[in-house]
Amino acid sequence: EIMEQPESIMNSLRGRMVLERGTAKLGGLDSVREKLEKIEKINIIACGTSYYAGLAGKYLIEELSGISVNADLASEFRYRKQAIGKNEAFIFISQSGETADSLAALREVKERGALTLGIVNAVGSSIARETDAGIYNHAGPEIGVASTKAFTSQIAVLILLAVFLGRQRNLSFK
């Protein structure tokens, strides 16, 4: 699967880069575009390798959009009580879209009325269905435990998301 990474990254980026405008086209977020413009804080929730992608995404999104971002392990987040702000979004990252701790955290956050987004590889998965909007990374099936191509494709999607959010806020990338 390590050898499949170039193809999985290309699949994650295909049709989503708008080079002439220096932005990203993320059709899965069209339904929440206006809500995203008002977001002041983002929480990335994930487990395992997806959490590590989320840590990188935290820095990317903060740098390019100016939005404050936290990254949490779903297994810890779901047992912690925290206030959820009005203009706060939660991004759930999962290869399978069926990670139990992430699903439990997602359901709690949704119950409290927050905007939820998913970055998943598995079309039709629980996280893909239950979030308000999302982005598929199109990495193809992950067979091995070491989630190499899912990780690099998640990073590619997070880069696109950071560019999208930055451009939404009219930030220049000079």
C-alpha atoms as a PDB file:
ATOM      1  CA  GLU A   1       0.000   0.000   0.000  1.00  0.00           C
ATOM      2  CA  ILE A   2       2.957   2.321   0.436  1.00  0.00           C
ATOM      3  CA  MET A   3       3.427   2.073  -3.325  1.00  0.00           C
ATOM      4  CA  GLU A   4      -0.186   3.205  -3.864  1.00  0.00           C
ATOM      5  CA  GLN A   5       0.350   6.582  -2.169  1.00  0.00           C
ATOM      6  CA  PRO A   6       1.029   8.638  -5.332  1.00  0.00           C
ATOM      7  CA  GLU A   7      -2.228   7.398  -6.847  1.00  0.00           C
ATOM      8  CA  SER A   8      -4.248   7.890  -3.645  1.00  0.00           C
ATOM      9  CA  ILE A   9      -2.936  11.453  -3.244  1.00  0.00           C
ATOM     10  CA  MET A  10      -3.783  12.243  -6.870  1.00  0.00           C
ATOM     11  CA  ASN A  11      -7.280  10.819  -6.288  1.00  0.00           C
ATOM     12  CA  SER A  12      -7.673  13.055  -3.223  1.00  0.00           C
ATOM     13  CA  LEU A  13      -6.658  16.169  -5.173  1.00  0.00           C
ATOM     14  CA  ARG A  14      -8.271  15.392  -8.536  1.00  0.00           C
ATOM     15  CA  GLY A  15     -10.757  18.041  -9.608  1.00  0.00           C
ATOM     16  CA  ARG A  16     -10.450  19.937  -6.350  1.00  0.00           C
ATOM     17  CA  MET A  17      -7.656  22.409  -7.083  1.00  0.00           C
ATOM     18  CA  VAL A  18      -8.639  25.647  -8.783  1.00  0.00           C
ATOM     19  CA  LEU A  19      -5.187  26.837  -9.820  1.00  0.00           C
ATOM     20  CA  GLU A  20      -6.231  30.025 -11.626  1.00  0.00           C
ATOM     21  CA  ARG A  21      -7.908  31.295  -8.434  1.00  0.00           C
ATOM     22  CA  GLY A  22      -5.505  29.678  -5.984  1.00  0.00           C
ATOM     23  CA  THR A  23      -8.257  27.911  -4.081  1.00  0.00           C
ATOM     24  CA  ALA A  24      -9.917  24.549  -3.594  1.00  0.00           C
ATOM     25  CA  LYS A  25     -13.319  23.324  -4.766  1.00  0.00           C
ATOM     26  CA  LEU A  26     -14.840  21.088  -2.121  1.00  0.00           C
ATOM     27  CA  GLY A  27     -18.346  20.209  -3.297  1.00  0.00           C
ATOM     28  CA  GLY A  28     -19.059  18.203  -0.161  1.00  0.00           C
ATOM     29  CA  LEU A  29     -18.997  21.452   1.815  1.00  0.00           C
ATOM     30  CA  ASP A  30     -21.376  23.442  -0.418  1.00  0.00           C
ATOM     31  CA  SER A  31     -24.340  22.896   1.908  1.00  0.00           C
ATOM     32  CA  VAL A  32     -22.485  24.458   4.882  1.00  0.00           C
ATOM     33  CA  ARG A  33     -20.455  27.105   3.039  1.00  0.00           C
ATOM     34  CA  GLU A  34     -22.164  30.060   4.756  1.00  0.00           C
ATOM     35  CA  LYS A  35     -21.806  28.470   8.197  1.00  0.00           C
ATOM     36  CA  LEU A  36     -18.101  27.890   7.567  1.00  0.00           C
ATOM     37  CA  GLU A  37     -17.607  31.596   6.833  1.00  0.00           C
ATOM     38  CA  LYS A  38     -18.654  32.369  10.435  1.00  0.00           C
ATOM     39  CA  ILE A  39     -16.567  29.675  12.139  1.00  0.00           C
ATOM     40  CA  GLU A  40     -14.185  31.013  14.800  1.00  0.00           C
ATOM     41  CA  LYS A  41     -12.920  27.720  16.207  1.00  0.00           C
ATOM     42  CA  ILE A  42     -12.430  24.209  14.828  1.00  0.00           C
ATOM     43  CA  ASN A  43     -11.960  20.978  16.747  1.00  0.00           C
ATOM     44  CA  ILE A  44     -10.420  18.020  14.958  1.00  0.00           C
ATOM     45  CA  ILE A  45     -11.459  14.709  16.499  1.00  0.00           C
ATOM     46  CA  ALA A  46      -9.885  11.417  15.440  1.00  0.00           C
ATOM     47  CA  CYS A  47      -8.143   8.224  16.561  1.00  0.00           C
ATOM     48  CA  GLY A  48      -4.838   6.588  15.689  1.00  0.00           C
ATOM     49  CA  THR A  49      -3.223   7.581  12.419  1.00  0.00           C
ATOM     50  CA  SER A  50      -6.120   9.899  11.583  1.00  0.00           C
ATOM     51  CA  TYR A  51      -5.345  11.828  14.783  1.00  0.00           C
ATOM     52  CA  TYR A  52      -1.768  12.361  13.580  1.00  0.00           C
ATOM     53  CA  ALA A  53      -3.105  13.701  10.289  1.00  0.00           C
ATOM     54  CA  GLY A  54      -5.366  15.963  12.370  1.00  0.00           C
ATOM     55  CA  LEU A  55      -2.365  17.354  14.245  1.00  0.00           C
ATOM     56  CA  ALA A  56      -0.772  18.362  10.948  1.00  0.00           C
ATOM     57  CA  GLY A  57      -4.132  19.732   9.787  1.00  0.00           C
ATOM     58  CA  LYS A  58      -4.350  21.872  12.918  1.00  0.00           C
ATOM     59  CA  TYR A  59      -1.229  23.784  11.927  1.00  0.00           C
ATOM     60  CA  LEU A  60      -2.212  24.002   8.269  1.00  0.00           C
ATOM     61  CA  ILE A  61      -5.672  25.398   8.987  1.00  0.00           C
ATOM     62  CA  GLU A  62      -4.437  27.862  11.607  1.00  0.00           C
ATOM     63  CA  GLU A  63      -1.658  29.118   9.340  1.00  0.00           C
ATOM     64  CA  LEU A  64      -3.744  29.560   6.199  1.00  0.00           C
ATOM     65  CA  SER A  65      -7.119  30.582   7.632  1.00  0.00           C
ATOM     66  CA  GLY A  66      -6.392  32.233  10.954  1.00  0.00           C
ATOM     67  CA  ILE A  67      -9.002  30.032  12.654  1.00  0.00           C
ATOM     68  CA  SER A  68      -8.108  28.624  16.069  1.00  0.00           C
ATOM     69  CA  VAL A  69      -7.909  24.811  15.930  1.00  0.00           C
ATOM     70  CA  ASN A  70      -7.711  22.081  18.578  1.00  0.00           C
ATOM     71  CA  ALA A  71      -6.971  18.426  17.874  1.00  0.00           C
ATOM     72  CA  ASP A  72      -8.196  15.743  20.264  1.00  0.00           C
ATOM     73  CA  LEU A  73      -8.168  11.982  20.476  1.00  0.00           C
ATOM     74  CA  ALA A  74     -11.785  10.874  20.245  1.00  0.00           C
ATOM     75  CA  SER A  75     -11.276   8.420  23.092  1.00  0.00           C
ATOM     76  CA  GLU A  76     -10.366  11.290  25.418  1.00  0.00           C
ATOM     77  CA  PHE A  77     -12.679  13.945  23.984  1.00  0.00           C
ATOM     78  CA  ARG A  78     -15.844  11.945  24.479  1.00  0.00           C
ATOM     79  CA  TYR A  79     -15.296  11.682  28.240  1.00  0.00           C
ATOM     80  CA  ARG A  80     -14.538  15.358  28.781  1.00  0.00           C
ATOM     81  CA  LYS A  81     -17.241  17.958  29.273  1.00  0.00           C
ATOM     82  CA  GLN A  82     -16.582  21.164  27.451  1.00  0.00           C
ATOM     83  CA  ALA A  83     -18.537  24.176  26.353  1.00  0.00           C
ATOM     84  CA  ILE A  84     -19.318  24.332  22.642  1.00  0.00           C
ATOM     85  CA  GLY A  85     -19.418  27.809  21.147  1.00  0.00           C
ATOM     86  CA  LYS A  86     -21.963  29.059  18.654  1.00  0.00           C
ATOM     87  CA  ASN A  87     -19.421  29.498  15.847  1.00  0.00           C
ATOM     88  CA  GLU A  88     -17.532  26.277  16.436  1.00  0.00           C
ATOM     89  CA  ALA A  89     -17.100  23.355  14.039  1.00  0.00           C
ATOM     90  CA  PHE A  90     -15.948  19.792  14.589  1.00  0.00           C
ATOM     91  CA  ILE A  91     -14.069  17.784  11.980  1.00  0.00           C
ATOM     92  CA  PHE A  92     -14.109  14.014  12.391  1.00  0.00           C
ATOM     93  CA  ILE A  93     -11.337  12.222  10.505  1.00  0.00           C
ATOM     94  CA  SER A  94     -11.553   8.462   9.976  1.00  0.00           C
ATOM     95  CA  GLN A  95     -10.304   5.989   7.405  1.00  0.00           C
ATOM     96  CA  SER A  96     -13.246   3.636   7.863  1.00  0.00           C
ATOM     97  CA  GLY A  97     -15.850   6.128   9.008  1.00  0.00           C
ATOM     98  CA  GLU A  98     -16.855   3.584  11.650  1.00  0.00           C
ATOM     99  CA  THR A  99     -14.390   4.311  14.487  1.00  0.00           C
ATOM    100  CA  ALA A 100     -16.404   3.732  17.677  1.00  0.00           C
ATOM    101  CA  ASP A 101     -14.894   6.527  19.799  1.00  0.00           C
ATOM    102  CA  SER A 102     -15.163   9.021  16.948  1.00  0.00           C
ATOM    103  CA  LEU A 103     -18.802   8.059  16.323  1.00  0.00           C
ATOM    104  CA  ALA A 104     -19.650   8.464  20.011  1.00  0.00           C
ATOM    105  CA  ALA A 105     -18.009  11.899  20.087  1.00  0.00           C
ATOM    106  CA  LEU A 106     -19.766  12.892  16.849  1.00  0.00           C
ATOM    107  CA  ARG A 107     -23.163  11.939  18.232  1.00  0.00           C
ATOM    108  CA  GLU A 108     -22.590  13.896  21.427  1.00  0.00           C
ATOM    109  CA  VAL A 109     -21.448  16.992  19.533  1.00  0.00           C
ATOM    110  CA  LYS A 110     -24.416  16.795  17.128  1.00  0.00           C
ATOM    111  CA  GLU A 111     -26.788  16.468  20.066  1.00  0.00           C
ATOM    112  CA  ARG A 112     -25.378  19.758  21.351  1.00  0.00           C
ATOM    113  CA  GLY A 113     -26.038  21.486  18.009  1.00  0.00           C
ATOM    114  CA  ALA A 114     -22.527  22.009  16.656  1.00  0.00           C
ATOM    115  CA  LEU A 115     -21.565  22.000  12.977  1.00  0.00           C
ATOM    116  CA  THR A 116     -19.955  18.654  12.117  1.00  0.00           C
ATOM    117  CA  LEU A 117     -17.768  17.765   9.154  1.00  0.00           C
ATOM    118  CA  GLY A 118     -16.260  14.449   8.149  1.00  0.00           C
ATOM    119  CA  ILE A 119     -13.080  13.536   6.336  1.00  0.00           C
ATOM    120  CA  VAL A 120     -13.492   9.861   5.524  1.00  0.00           C
ATOM    121  CA  ASN A 121     -12.433   7.343   2.947  1.00  0.00           C
ATOM    122  CA  ALA A 122     -15.389   4.966   3.131  1.00  0.00           C
ATOM    123  CA  VAL A 123     -18.370   6.187   1.098  1.00  0.00           C
ATOM    124  CA  GLY A 124     -21.640   5.626   2.946  1.00  0.00           C
ATOM    125  CA  SER A 125     -19.940   5.064   6.300  1.00  0.00           C
ATOM    126  CA  SER A 126     -21.582   6.153   9.561  1.00  0.00           C
ATOM    127  CA  ILE A 127     -19.424   9.267   9.928  1.00  0.00           C
ATOM    128  CA  ALA A 128     -20.071  10.211   6.294  1.00  0.00           C
ATOM    129  CA  ARG A 129     -23.831   9.851   6.827  1.00  0.00           C
ATOM    130  CA  GLU A 130     -24.086  11.479  10.251  1.00  0.00           C
ATOM    131  CA  THR A 131     -21.978  14.611   9.773  1.00  0.00           C
ATOM    132  CA  ASP A 132     -23.522  17.784   8.346  1.00  0.00           C
ATOM    133  CA  ALA A 133     -21.096  17.773   5.407  1.00  0.00           C
ATOM    134  CA  GLY A 134     -17.775  16.280   4.467  1.00  0.00           C
ATOM    135  CA  ILE A 135     -14.971  15.405   2.139  1.00  0.00           C
ATOM    136  CA  TYR A 136     -14.077  11.950   0.860  1.00  0.00           C
ATOM    137  CA  ASN A 137     -10.370  11.324   0.457  1.00  0.00           C
ATOM    138  CA  HIS A 138     -10.748   8.613  -2.244  1.00  0.00           C
ATOM    139  CA  ALA A 139      -7.646   6.686  -1.146  1.00  0.00           C
ATOM    140  CA  GLY A 140      -9.057   3.273  -1.978  1.00  0.00           C
ATOM    141  CA  PRO A 141      -9.403   0.381   0.463  1.00  0.00           C
ATOM    142  CA  GLU A 142      -6.883   0.157   3.274  1.00  0.00           C
ATOM    143  CA  ILE A 143      -5.898  -3.463   3.788  1.00  0.00           C
ATOM    144  CA  GLY A 144      -2.916  -3.239   6.124  1.00  0.00           C
ATOM    145  CA  VAL A 145      -2.894  -1.964   9.692  1.00  0.00           C
ATOM    146  CA  ALA A 146      -0.242   0.673   8.962  1.00  0.00           C
ATOM    147  CA  SER A 147      -2.512   3.278   7.433  1.00  0.00           C
ATOM    148  CA  THR A 148      -0.030   4.826   5.009  1.00  0.00           C
ATOM    149  CA  LYS A 149      -2.099   5.888   2.029  1.00  0.00           C
ATOM    150  CA  ALA A 150      -5.040   6.939   4.182  1.00  0.00           C
ATOM    151  CA  PHE A 151      -2.717   9.170   6.222  1.00  0.00           C
ATOM    152  CA  THR A 152      -1.143  10.898   3.228  1.00  0.00           C
ATOM    153  CA  SER A 153      -4.507  11.336   1.510  1.00  0.00           C
ATOM    154  CA  GLN A 154      -5.953  12.816   4.724  1.00  0.00           C
ATOM    155  CA  ILE A 155      -3.071  15.315   4.750  1.00  0.00           C
ATOM    156  CA  ALA A 156      -3.832  16.201   1.115  1.00  0.00           C
ATOM    157  CA  VAL A 157      -7.507  16.809   1.970  1.00  0.00           C
ATOM    158  CA  LEU A 158      -6.564  18.895   5.019  1.00  0.00           C
ATOM    159  CA  ILE A 159      -4.303  21.050   2.826  1.00  0.00           C
ATOM    160  CA  LEU A 160      -7.238  21.618   0.459  1.00  0.00           C
ATOM    161  CA  LEU A 161      -9.494  22.459   3.407  1.00  0.00           C
ATOM    162  CA  ALA A 162      -6.938  24.923   4.818  1.00  0.00           C
ATOM    163  CA  VAL A 163      -6.648  26.664   1.435  1.00  0.00           C
ATOM    164  CA  PHE A 164     -10.450  26.702   1.064  1.00  0.00           C
ATOM    165  CA  LEU A 165     -10.975  28.250   4.518  1.00  0.00           C
ATOM    166  CA  GLY A 166      -8.154  30.734   3.978  1.00  0.00           C
ATOM    167  CA  ARG A 167      -9.550  31.906   0.659  1.00  0.00           C
ATOM    168  CA  GLN A 168     -13.004  32.117   2.198  1.00  0.00           C
ATOM    169  CA  ARG A 169     -11.512  34.696   4.568  1.00  0.00           C
ATOM    170  CA  ASN A 170      -9.761  36.525   1.716  1.00  0.00           C
ATOM    171  CA  LEU A 171      -6.330  35.757   3.085  1.00  0.00           C
ATOM    172  CA  SER A 172      -3.408  36.139   0.708  1.00  0.00           C
ATOM    173  CA  PHE A 173      -0.852  33.346   0.498  1.00  0.00           C
ATOM    174  CA  LYS A 174       2.084  35.472  -0.642  1.00  0.00           C
END
